[in-house]
All heavy atoms as atom14 arrays in JSON, in Angstrom:
{
  "sequence": "EETKRDFLRAREVASRKERTTLTHGQTFHRVVKFYLDRNDP",
  "atom14_mask": [
    [1, 1, 1, 1, 1, 1, 1, 1, 1, 0, 0, 0, 0, 0],
    [1, 1, 1, 1, 1, 1, 1, 1, 1, 0, 0, 0, 0, 0],
    [1, 1, 1, 1, 1, 1, 1, 0, 0, 0, 0, 0, 0, 0],
    [1, 1, 1, 1, 1, 1, 1, 1, 1, 0, 0, 0, 0, 0],
    [1, 1, 1, 1, 1, 1, 1, 1, 1, 1, 1, 0, 0, 0],
    [1, 1, 1, 1, 1, 1, 1, 1, 0, 0, 0, 0, 0, 0],
    [1, 1, 1, 1, 1, 1, 1, 1, 1, 1, 1, 0, 0, 0],
    [1, 1, 1, 1, 1, 1, 1, 1, 0, 0, 0, 0, 0, 0],
    [1, 1, 1, 1, 1, 1, 1, 1, 1, 1, 1, 0, 0, 0],
    [1, 1, 1, 1, 1, 0, 0, 0, 0, 0, 0, 0, 0, 0],
    [1, 1, 1, 1, 1, 1, 1, 1, 1, 1, 1, 0, 0, 0],
    [1, 1, 1, 1, 1, 1, 1, 1, 1, 0, 0, 0, 0, 0],
    [1, 1, 1, 1, 1, 1, 1, 0, 0, 0, 0, 0, 0, 0],
    [1, 1, 1, 1, 1, 0, 0, 0, 0, 0, 0, 0, 0, 0],
    [1, 1, 1, 1, 1, 1, 0, 0, 0, 0, 0, 0, 0, 0],
    [1, 1, 1, 1, 1, 1, 1, 1, 1, 1, 1, 0, 0, 0],
    [1, 1, 1, 1, 1, 1, 1, 1, 1, 0, 0, 0, 0, 0],
    [1, 1, 1, 1, 1, 1, 1, 1, 1, 0, 0, 0, 0, 0],
    [1, 1, 1, 1, 1, 1, 1, 1, 1, 1, 1, 0, 0, 0],
    [1, 1, 1, 1, 1, 1, 1, 0, 0, 0, 0, 0, 0, 0],
    [1, 1, 1, 1, 1, 1, 1, 0, 0, 0, 0, 0, 0, 0],
    [1, 1, 1, 1, 1, 1, 1, 1, 0, 0, 0, 0, 0, 0],
    [1, 1, 1, 1, 1, 1, 1, 0, 0, 0, 0, 0, 0, 0],
    [1, 1, 1, 1, 1, 1, 1, 1, 1, 1, 0, 0, 0, 0],
    [1, 1, 1, 1, 0, 0, 0, 0, 0, 0, 0, 0, 0, 0],
    [1, 1, 1, 1, 1, 1, 1, 1, 1, 0, 0, 0, 0, 0],
    [1, 1, 1, 1, 1, 1, 1, 0, 0, 0, 0, 0, 0, 0],
    [1, 1, 1, 1, 1, 1, 1, 1, 1, 1, 1, 0, 0, 0],
    [1, 1, 1, 1, 1, 1, 1, 1, 1, 1, 0, 0, 0, 0],
    [1, 1, 1, 1, 1, 1, 1, 1, 1, 1, 1, 0, 0, 0],
    [1, 1, 1, 1, 1, 1, 1, 0, 0, 0, 0, 0, 0, 0],
    [1, 1, 1, 1, 1, 1, 1, 0, 0, 0, 0, 0, 0, 0],
    [1, 1, 1, 1, 1, 1, 1, 1, 1, 0, 0, 0, 0, 0],
    [1, 1, 1, 1, 1, 1, 1, 1, 1, 1, 1, 0, 0, 0],
    [1, 1, 1, 1, 1, 1, 1, 1, 1, 1, 1, 1, 0, 0],
    [1, 1, 1, 1, 1, 1, 1, 1, 0, 0, 0, 0, 0, 0],
    [1, 1, 1, 1, 1, 1, 1, 1, 0, 0, 0, 0, 0, 0],
    [1, 1, 1, 1, 1, 1, 1, 1, 1, 1, 1, 0, 0, 0],
    [1, 1, 1, 1, 1, 1, 1, 1, 0, 0, 0, 0, 0, 0],
    [1, 1, 1, 1, 1, 1, 1, 1, 0, 0, 0, 0, 0, 0],
    [1, 1, 1, 1, 1, 1, 1, 0, 0, 0, 0, 0, 0, 0]
  ],
  "atom14_positions": [
    [[80.1, 108.01, 94.26], [81.05, 106.91, 94.2], [82.44, 107.4, 93.79], [83.45, 106.95, 94.31], [80.55, 105.85, 93.21], [81.41, 104.6, 93.14], [81.45, 103.83, 94.44], [80.44, 103.83, 95.17], [82.51, 103.22, 94.74], [0.0, 0.0, 0.0], [0.0, 0.0, 0.0], [0.0, 0.0, 0.0], [0.0, 0.0, 0.0], [0.0, 0.0, 0.0]],
    [[82.49, 108.35, 92.86], [83.78, 108.85, 92.41], [84.51, 109.6, 93.53], [85.75, 109.54, 93.61], [83.62, 109.77, 91.19], [82.84, 111.04, 91.48], [82.65, 111.9, 90.23], [83.54, 112.72, 89.94], [81.61, 111.73, 89.57], [0.0, 0.0, 0.0], [0.0, 0.0, 0.0], [0.0, 0.0, 0.0], [0.0, 0.0, 0.0], [0.0, 0.0, 0.0]],
    [[83.75, 110.26, 94.4], [84.37, 110.96, 95.52], [84.98, 109.96, 96.49], [86.07, 110.18, 97.03], [83.34, 111.83, 96.26], [82.75, 112.74, 95.33], [84.0, 112.63, 97.38], [0.0, 0.0, 0.0], [0.0, 0.0, 0.0], [0.0, 0.0, 0.0], [0.0, 0.0, 0.0], [0.0, 0.0, 0.0], [0.0, 0.0, 0.0], [0.0, 0.0, 0.0]],
    [[84.29, 108.85, 96.71], [84.84, 107.81, 97.57], [86.13, 107.25, 96.98], [87.12, 107.06, 97.7], [83.82, 106.68, 97.75], [84.33, 105.53, 98.62], [83.3, 104.43, 98.74], [83.85, 103.27, 99.56], [82.86, 102.16, 99.69], [0.0, 0.0, 0.0], [0.0, 0.0, 0.0], [0.0, 0.0, 0.0], [0.0, 0.0, 0.0], [0.0, 0.0, 0.0]],
    [[86.13, 107.02, 95.67], [87.35, 106.51, 95.02], [88.49, 107.52, 95.16], [89.64, 107.14, 95.41], [87.08, 106.22, 93.54], [86.21, 104.99, 93.28], [86.32, 104.55, 91.84], [85.89, 105.6, 90.93], [84.65, 105.72, 90.47], [83.72, 104.87, 90.85], [84.34, 106.68, 89.63], [0.0, 0.0, 0.0], [0.0, 0.0, 0.0], [0.0, 0.0, 0.0]],
    [[88.15, 108.82, 95.0], [89.18, 109.86, 95.13], [89.74, 109.9, 96.55], [90.94, 110.09, 96.76], [88.61, 111.22, 94.76], [88.31, 111.35, 93.28], [88.82, 110.51, 92.5], [87.57, 112.27, 92.89], [0.0, 0.0, 0.0], [0.0, 0.0, 0.0], [0.0, 0.0, 0.0], [0.0, 0.0, 0.0], [0.0, 0.0, 0.0], [0.0, 0.0, 0.0]],
    [[88.86, 109.72, 97.54], [89.32, 109.73, 98.93], [90.26, 108.56, 99.2], [91.3, 108.72, 99.84], [88.12, 109.66, 99.88], [88.5, 109.58, 101.34], [88.92, 110.71, 102.02], [88.45, 108.37, 102.01], [89.29, 110.64, 103.36], [88.81, 108.29, 103.35], [89.23, 109.43, 104.02], [0.0, 0.0, 0.0], [0.0, 0.0, 0.0], [0.0, 0.0, 0.0]],
    [[89.89, 107.39, 98.7], [90.76, 106.22, 98.89], [92.09, 106.4, 98.16], [93.14, 105.96, 98.65], [90.05, 104.96, 98.39], [88.79, 104.56, 99.18], [88.14, 103.34, 98.55], [89.13, 104.3, 100.64], [0.0, 0.0, 0.0], [0.0, 0.0, 0.0], [0.0, 0.0, 0.0], [0.0, 0.0, 0.0], [0.0, 0.0, 0.0], [0.0, 0.0, 0.0]],
    [[92.04, 107.1, 97.02], [93.28, 107.38, 96.31], [94.13, 108.36, 97.12], [95.36, 108.21, 97.21], [92.96, 107.98, 94.94], [94.18, 108.46, 94.14], [95.15, 107.33, 93.87], [96.27, 107.79, 93.07], [97.39, 107.12, 92.89], [97.54, 105.91, 93.44], [98.36, 107.59, 92.15], [0.0, 0.0, 0.0], [0.0, 0.0, 0.0], [0.0, 0.0, 0.0]],
    [[93.48, 109.36, 97.73], [94.21, 110.31, 98.57], [94.86, 109.58, 99.74], [96.0, 109.88, 100.13], [93.26, 111.4, 99.08], [0.0, 0.0, 0.0], [0.0, 0.0, 0.0], [0.0, 0.0, 0.0], [0.0, 0.0, 0.0], [0.0, 0.0, 0.0], [0.0, 0.0, 0.0], [0.0, 0.0, 0.0], [0.0, 0.0, 0.0], [0.0, 0.0, 0.0]],
    [[94.15, 108.62, 100.3], [94.72, 107.82, 101.4], [95.95, 107.05, 100.93], [96.96, 106.99, 101.63], [93.66, 106.86, 101.93], [94.14, 106.01, 103.1], [93.16, 104.91, 103.42], [93.61, 104.1, 104.55], [93.23, 102.86, 104.78], [92.36, 102.28, 103.95], [93.68, 102.19, 105.81], [0.0, 0.0, 0.0], [0.0, 0.0, 0.0], [0.0, 0.0, 0.0]],
    [[95.84, 106.48, 99.75], [96.96, 105.7, 99.2], [98.18, 106.6, 98.98], [99.31, 106.23, 99.35], [96.54, 105.07, 97.88], [97.62, 104.24, 97.21], [97.16, 103.66, 95.89], [95.93, 103.53, 95.68], [98.02, 103.35, 95.04], [0.0, 0.0, 0.0], [0.0, 0.0, 0.0], [0.0, 0.0, 0.0], [0.0, 0.0, 0.0], [0.0, 0.0, 0.0]],
    [[97.95, 107.79, 98.39], [99.06, 108.72, 98.12], [99.69, 109.2, 99.42], [100.92, 109.23, 99.56], [98.55, 109.91, 97.28], [99.63, 110.99, 97.17], [98.13, 109.46, 95.9], [0.0, 0.0, 0.0], [0.0, 0.0, 0.0], [0.0, 0.0, 0.0], [0.0, 0.0, 0.0], [0.0, 0.0, 0.0], [0.0, 0.0, 0.0], [0.0, 0.0, 0.0]],
    [[98.85, 109.58, 100.4], [99.36, 110.08, 101.67], [100.11, 108.99, 102.43], [101.15, 109.24, 103.04], [98.22, 110.62, 102.52], [0.0, 0.0, 0.0], [0.0, 0.0, 0.0], [0.0, 0.0, 0.0], [0.0, 0.0, 0.0], [0.0, 0.0, 0.0], [0.0, 0.0, 0.0], [0.0, 0.0, 0.0], [0.0, 0.0, 0.0], [0.0, 0.0, 0.0]],
    [[99.59, 107.77, 102.37], [100.25, 106.65, 103.06], [101.62, 106.38, 102.44], [102.6, 106.13, 103.15], [99.39, 105.39, 102.97], [98.17, 105.55, 103.67], [0.0, 0.0, 0.0], [0.0, 0.0, 0.0], [0.0, 0.0, 0.0], [0.0, 0.0, 0.0], [0.0, 0.0, 0.0], [0.0, 0.0, 0.0], [0.0, 0.0, 0.0], [0.0, 0.0, 0.0]],
    [[101.68, 106.44, 101.12], [102.95, 106.21, 100.45], [103.96, 107.3, 100.82], [105.13, 107.01, 101.06], [102.75, 106.18, 98.93], [104.02, 105.77, 98.16], [103.81, 105.85, 96.66], [102.64, 105.07, 96.25], [101.62, 105.59, 95.57], [101.62, 106.87, 95.25], [100.61, 104.82, 95.22], [0.0, 0.0, 0.0], [0.0, 0.0, 0.0], [0.0, 0.0, 0.0]],
    [[103.49, 108.53, 100.88], [104.39, 109.65, 101.2], [104.93, 109.54, 102.62], [106.1, 109.83, 102.88], [103.66, 110.98, 101.02], [104.54, 112.19, 101.33], [103.82, 113.49, 101.04], [104.74, 114.67, 101.34], [104.08, 115.96, 101.03], [0.0, 0.0, 0.0], [0.0, 0.0, 0.0], [0.0, 0.0, 0.0], [0.0, 0.0, 0.0], [0.0, 0.0, 0.0]],
    [[104.08, 109.1, 103.54], [104.5, 109.01, 104.95], [105.06, 107.64, 105.3], [105.43, 107.39, 106.44], [103.32, 109.37, 105.86], [102.8, 110.78, 105.62], [101.82, 111.23, 106.67], [101.91, 110.73, 107.82], [100.96, 112.08, 106.35], [0.0, 0.0, 0.0], [0.0, 0.0, 0.0], [0.0, 0.0, 0.0], [0.0, 0.0, 0.0], [0.0, 0.0, 0.0]],
    [[105.07, 106.75, 104.32], [105.64, 105.41, 104.49], [104.99, 104.65, 105.65], [105.65, 103.97, 106.42], [107.15, 105.49, 104.69], [107.88, 106.07, 103.48], [109.37, 106.09, 103.68], [110.04, 106.62, 102.48], [111.36, 106.73, 102.36], [112.15, 106.34, 103.35], [111.89, 107.22, 101.25], [0.0, 0.0, 0.0], [0.0, 0.0, 0.0], [0.0, 0.0, 0.0]],
    [[103.68, 104.78, 105.74], [102.9, 104.03, 106.71], [101.47, 103.99, 106.22], [101.07, 104.81, 105.38], [102.95, 104.69, 108.1], [102.3, 103.83, 109.05], [102.26, 106.04, 108.12], [0.0, 0.0, 0.0], [0.0, 0.0, 0.0], [0.0, 0.0, 0.0], [0.0, 0.0, 0.0], [0.0, 0.0, 0.0], [0.0, 0.0, 0.0], [0.0, 0.0, 0.0]],
    [[100.7, 103.02, 106.68], [99.3, 102.93, 106.26], [98.43, 103.8, 107.15], [98.28, 103.52, 108.35], [98.81, 101.47, 106.33], [99.64, 100.66, 105.48], [97.37, 101.37, 105.84], [0.0, 0.0, 0.0], [0.0, 0.0, 0.0], [0.0, 0.0, 0.0], [0.0, 0.0, 0.0], [0.0, 0.0, 0.0], [0.0, 0.0, 0.0], [0.0, 0.0, 0.0]],
    [[97.88, 104.87, 106.59], [97.04, 105.78, 107.35], [95.63, 105.22, 107.48], [95.13, 104.56, 106.58], [96.98, 107.14, 106.67], [98.3, 107.9, 106.47], [98.05, 109.21, 105.74], [98.98, 108.17, 107.81], [0.0, 0.0, 0.0], [0.0, 0.0, 0.0], [0.0, 0.0, 0.0], [0.0, 0.0, 0.0], [0.0, 0.0, 0.0], [0.0, 0.0, 0.0]],
    [[94.98, 105.52, 108.6], [93.57, 105.17, 108.76], [92.74, 106.18, 107.98], [93.24, 107.22, 107.53], [93.15, 105.21, 110.23], [93.24, 106.57, 110.7], [94.05, 104.32, 111.1], [0.0, 0.0, 0.0], [0.0, 0.0, 0.0], [0.0, 0.0, 0.0], [0.0, 0.0, 0.0], [0.0, 0.0, 0.0], [0.0, 0.0, 0.0], [0.0, 0.0, 0.0]],
    [[91.46, 105.89, 107.83], [90.57, 106.85, 107.17], [90.52, 108.15, 107.96], [90.44, 109.24, 107.37], [89.17, 106.26, 107.03], [89.09, 105.17, 106.01], [87.91, 104.53, 105.69], [90.04, 104.59, 105.23], [88.14, 103.62, 104.76], [89.42, 103.64, 104.47], [0.0, 0.0, 0.0], [0.0, 0.0, 0.0], [0.0, 0.0, 0.0], [0.0, 0.0, 0.0]],
    [[90.54, 108.03, 109.29], [90.5, 109.23, 110.13], [91.73, 110.1, 109.95], [91.63, 111.33, 109.85], [0.0, 0.0, 0.0], [0.0, 0.0, 0.0], [0.0, 0.0, 0.0], [0.0, 0.0, 0.0], [0.0, 0.0, 0.0], [0.0, 0.0, 0.0], [0.0, 0.0, 0.0], [0.0, 0.0, 0.0], [0.0, 0.0, 0.0], [0.0, 0.0, 0.0]],
    [[92.89, 109.48, 109.89], [94.13, 110.23, 109.65], [94.1, 110.9, 108.29], [94.54, 112.05, 108.14], [95.33, 109.3, 109.75], [95.69, 108.86, 111.15], [96.83, 107.85, 111.14], [96.69, 106.76, 110.59], [97.95, 108.22, 111.73], [0.0, 0.0, 0.0], [0.0, 0.0, 0.0], [0.0, 0.0, 0.0], [0.0, 0.0, 0.0], [0.0, 0.0, 0.0]],
    [[93.61, 110.19, 107.29], [93.53, 110.76, 105.95], [92.59, 111.96, 105.92], [92.9, 113.01, 105.34], [93.04, 109.7, 104.95], [93.89, 108.55, 105.01], [93.04, 110.25, 103.54], [0.0, 0.0, 0.0], [0.0, 0.0, 0.0], [0.0, 0.0, 0.0], [0.0, 0.0, 0.0], [0.0, 0.0, 0.0], [0.0, 0.0, 0.0], [0.0, 0.0, 0.0]],
    [[91.43, 111.82, 106.54], [90.47, 112.93, 106.59], [91.09, 114.15, 107.26], [90.94, 115.29, 106.79], [89.22, 112.47, 107.36], [88.11, 113.49, 107.38], [87.3, 113.66, 106.27], [87.87, 114.25, 108.51], [86.27, 114.6, 106.29], [86.86, 115.19, 108.54], [86.05, 115.36, 107.42], [0.0, 0.0, 0.0], [0.0, 0.0, 0.0], [0.0, 0.0, 0.0]],
    [[91.8, 113.92, 108.35], [92.48, 114.99, 109.08], [93.45, 115.74, 108.16], [93.47, 116.97, 108.12], [93.23, 114.4, 110.27], [94.1, 115.36, 111.01], [93.61, 116.21, 111.98], [95.43, 115.61, 110.92], [94.6, 116.93, 112.46], [95.72, 116.59, 111.84], [0.0, 0.0, 0.0], [0.0, 0.0, 0.0], [0.0, 0.0, 0.0], [0.0, 0.0, 0.0]],
    [[94.24, 115.01, 107.39], [95.23, 115.62, 106.52], [94.6, 116.37, 105.37], [95.06, 117.46, 104.98], [96.2, 114.55, 106.01], [97.23, 114.16, 107.07], [97.77, 112.76, 106.82], [98.84, 112.42, 107.76], [98.66, 112.11, 109.04], [97.43, 112.13, 109.54], [99.68, 111.81, 109.82], [0.0, 0.0, 0.0], [0.0, 0.0, 0.0], [0.0, 0.0, 0.0]],
    [[93.53, 115.81, 104.8], [92.86, 116.48, 103.69], [92.26, 117.81, 104.13], [92.4, 118.84, 103.45], [91.76, 115.56, 103.1], [90.88, 116.33, 102.11], [92.4, 114.37, 102.38], [0.0, 0.0, 0.0], [0.0, 0.0, 0.0], [0.0, 0.0, 0.0], [0.0, 0.0, 0.0], [0.0, 0.0, 0.0], [0.0, 0.0, 0.0], [0.0, 0.0, 0.0]],
    [[91.6, 117.81, 105.28], [90.98, 119.04, 105.79], [92.04, 120.09, 106.09], [91.91, 121.27, 105.7], [90.14, 118.74, 107.05], [89.69, 120.04, 107.72], [88.93, 117.9, 106.68], [0.0, 0.0, 0.0], [0.0, 0.0, 0.0], [0.0, 0.0, 0.0], [0.0, 0.0, 0.0], [0.0, 0.0, 0.0], [0.0, 0.0, 0.0], [0.0, 0.0, 0.0]],
    [[93.1, 119.71, 106.8], [94.14, 120.67, 107.15], [94.85, 121.19, 105.9], [95.22, 122.37, 105.82], [95.15, 120.01, 108.1], [94.56, 119.64, 109.45], [94.07, 120.88, 110.2], [93.74, 120.58, 111.65], [92.56, 119.7, 111.76], [0.0, 0.0, 0.0], [0.0, 0.0, 0.0], [0.0, 0.0, 0.0], [0.0, 0.0, 0.0], [0.0, 0.0, 0.0]],
    [[95.05, 120.31, 104.91], [95.7, 120.72, 103.68], [94.87, 121.77, 102.96], [95.39, 122.79, 102.47], [95.92, 119.5, 102.78], [96.55, 119.81, 101.45], [97.92, 120.0, 101.36], [95.78, 119.92, 100.31], [98.52, 120.29, 100.14], [96.37, 120.21, 99.1], [97.73, 120.4, 99.0], [0.0, 0.0, 0.0], [0.0, 0.0, 0.0], [0.0, 0.0, 0.0]],
    [[93.54, 121.56, 102.9], [92.67, 122.52, 102.21], [92.67, 123.88, 102.93], [92.77, 124.93, 102.29], [91.24, 121.97, 102.15], [90.31, 122.85, 101.35], [90.19, 122.69, 99.97], [89.55, 123.84, 101.98], [89.35, 123.5, 99.23], [88.71, 124.66, 101.24], [88.61, 124.49, 99.86], [87.79, 125.31, 99.14], [0.0, 0.0, 0.0], [0.0, 0.0, 0.0]],
    [[92.56, 123.85, 104.25], [92.56, 125.11, 105.0], [93.89, 125.84, 104.85], [93.93, 127.07, 104.71], [92.28, 124.83, 106.49], [90.85, 124.4, 106.83], [90.76, 124.01, 108.3], [89.85, 125.49, 106.5], [0.0, 0.0, 0.0], [0.0, 0.0, 0.0], [0.0, 0.0, 0.0], [0.0, 0.0, 0.0], [0.0, 0.0, 0.0], [0.0, 0.0, 0.0]],
    [[94.95, 125.1, 104.86], [96.27, 125.71, 104.74], [96.43, 126.4, 103.39], [97.07, 127.45, 103.29], [97.35, 124.64, 104.91], [98.73, 125.22, 104.94], [98.96, 126.16, 105.72], [99.59, 124.74, 104.17], [0.0, 0.0, 0.0], [0.0, 0.0, 0.0], [0.0, 0.0, 0.0], [0.0, 0.0, 0.0], [0.0, 0.0, 0.0], [0.0, 0.0, 0.0]],
    [[95.84, 125.82, 102.37], [95.97, 126.38, 101.02], [94.96, 127.49, 100.73], [95.22, 128.36, 99.88], [95.78, 125.27, 99.97], [96.93, 124.27, 99.89], [98.23, 124.96, 99.48], [99.32, 124.03, 99.28], [99.61, 123.43, 98.13], [98.88, 123.67, 97.06], [100.63, 122.59, 98.05], [0.0, 0.0, 0.0], [0.0, 0.0, 0.0], [0.0, 0.0, 0.0]],
    [[93.8, 127.49, 101.39], [92.71, 128.37, 100.97], [92.16, 129.32, 102.02], [91.31, 130.14, 101.69], [91.56, 127.51, 100.43], [91.95, 126.69, 99.23], [92.03, 127.2, 98.11], [92.21, 125.4, 99.44], [0.0, 0.0, 0.0], [0.0, 0.0, 0.0], [0.0, 0.0, 0.0], [0.0, 0.0, 0.0], [0.0, 0.0, 0.0], [0.0, 0.0, 0.0]],
    [[92.6, 129.21, 103.26], [92.05, 130.06, 104.32], [93.16, 130.91, 104.93], [93.91, 130.44, 105.79], [91.39, 129.19, 105.39], [90.65, 130.02, 106.43], [90.79, 131.25, 106.42], [89.94, 129.41, 107.25], [0.0, 0.0, 0.0], [0.0, 0.0, 0.0], [0.0, 0.0, 0.0], [0.0, 0.0, 0.0], [0.0, 0.0, 0.0], [0.0, 0.0, 0.0]],
    [[93.28, 132.2, 104.52], [94.32, 133.07, 105.07], [94.22, 133.22, 106.58], [95.24, 133.3, 107.28], [94.07, 134.41, 104.37], [93.32, 134.04, 103.12], [92.47, 132.87, 103.5], [0.0, 0.0, 0.0], [0.0, 0.0, 0.0], [0.0, 0.0, 0.0], [0.0, 0.0, 0.0], [0.0, 0.0, 0.0], [0.0, 0.0, 0.0], [0.0, 0.0, 0.0]]
  ]
}
């Protein structure tokens, strides 16, 4: 349950940053790409 809450929070933060309401799919896309960009040389 806490992971779901964190994901919804990530959606809220990303939506605010991009000034639009992101779908769950868009949020998932950004989270995955962000992690790879930071951790996969």
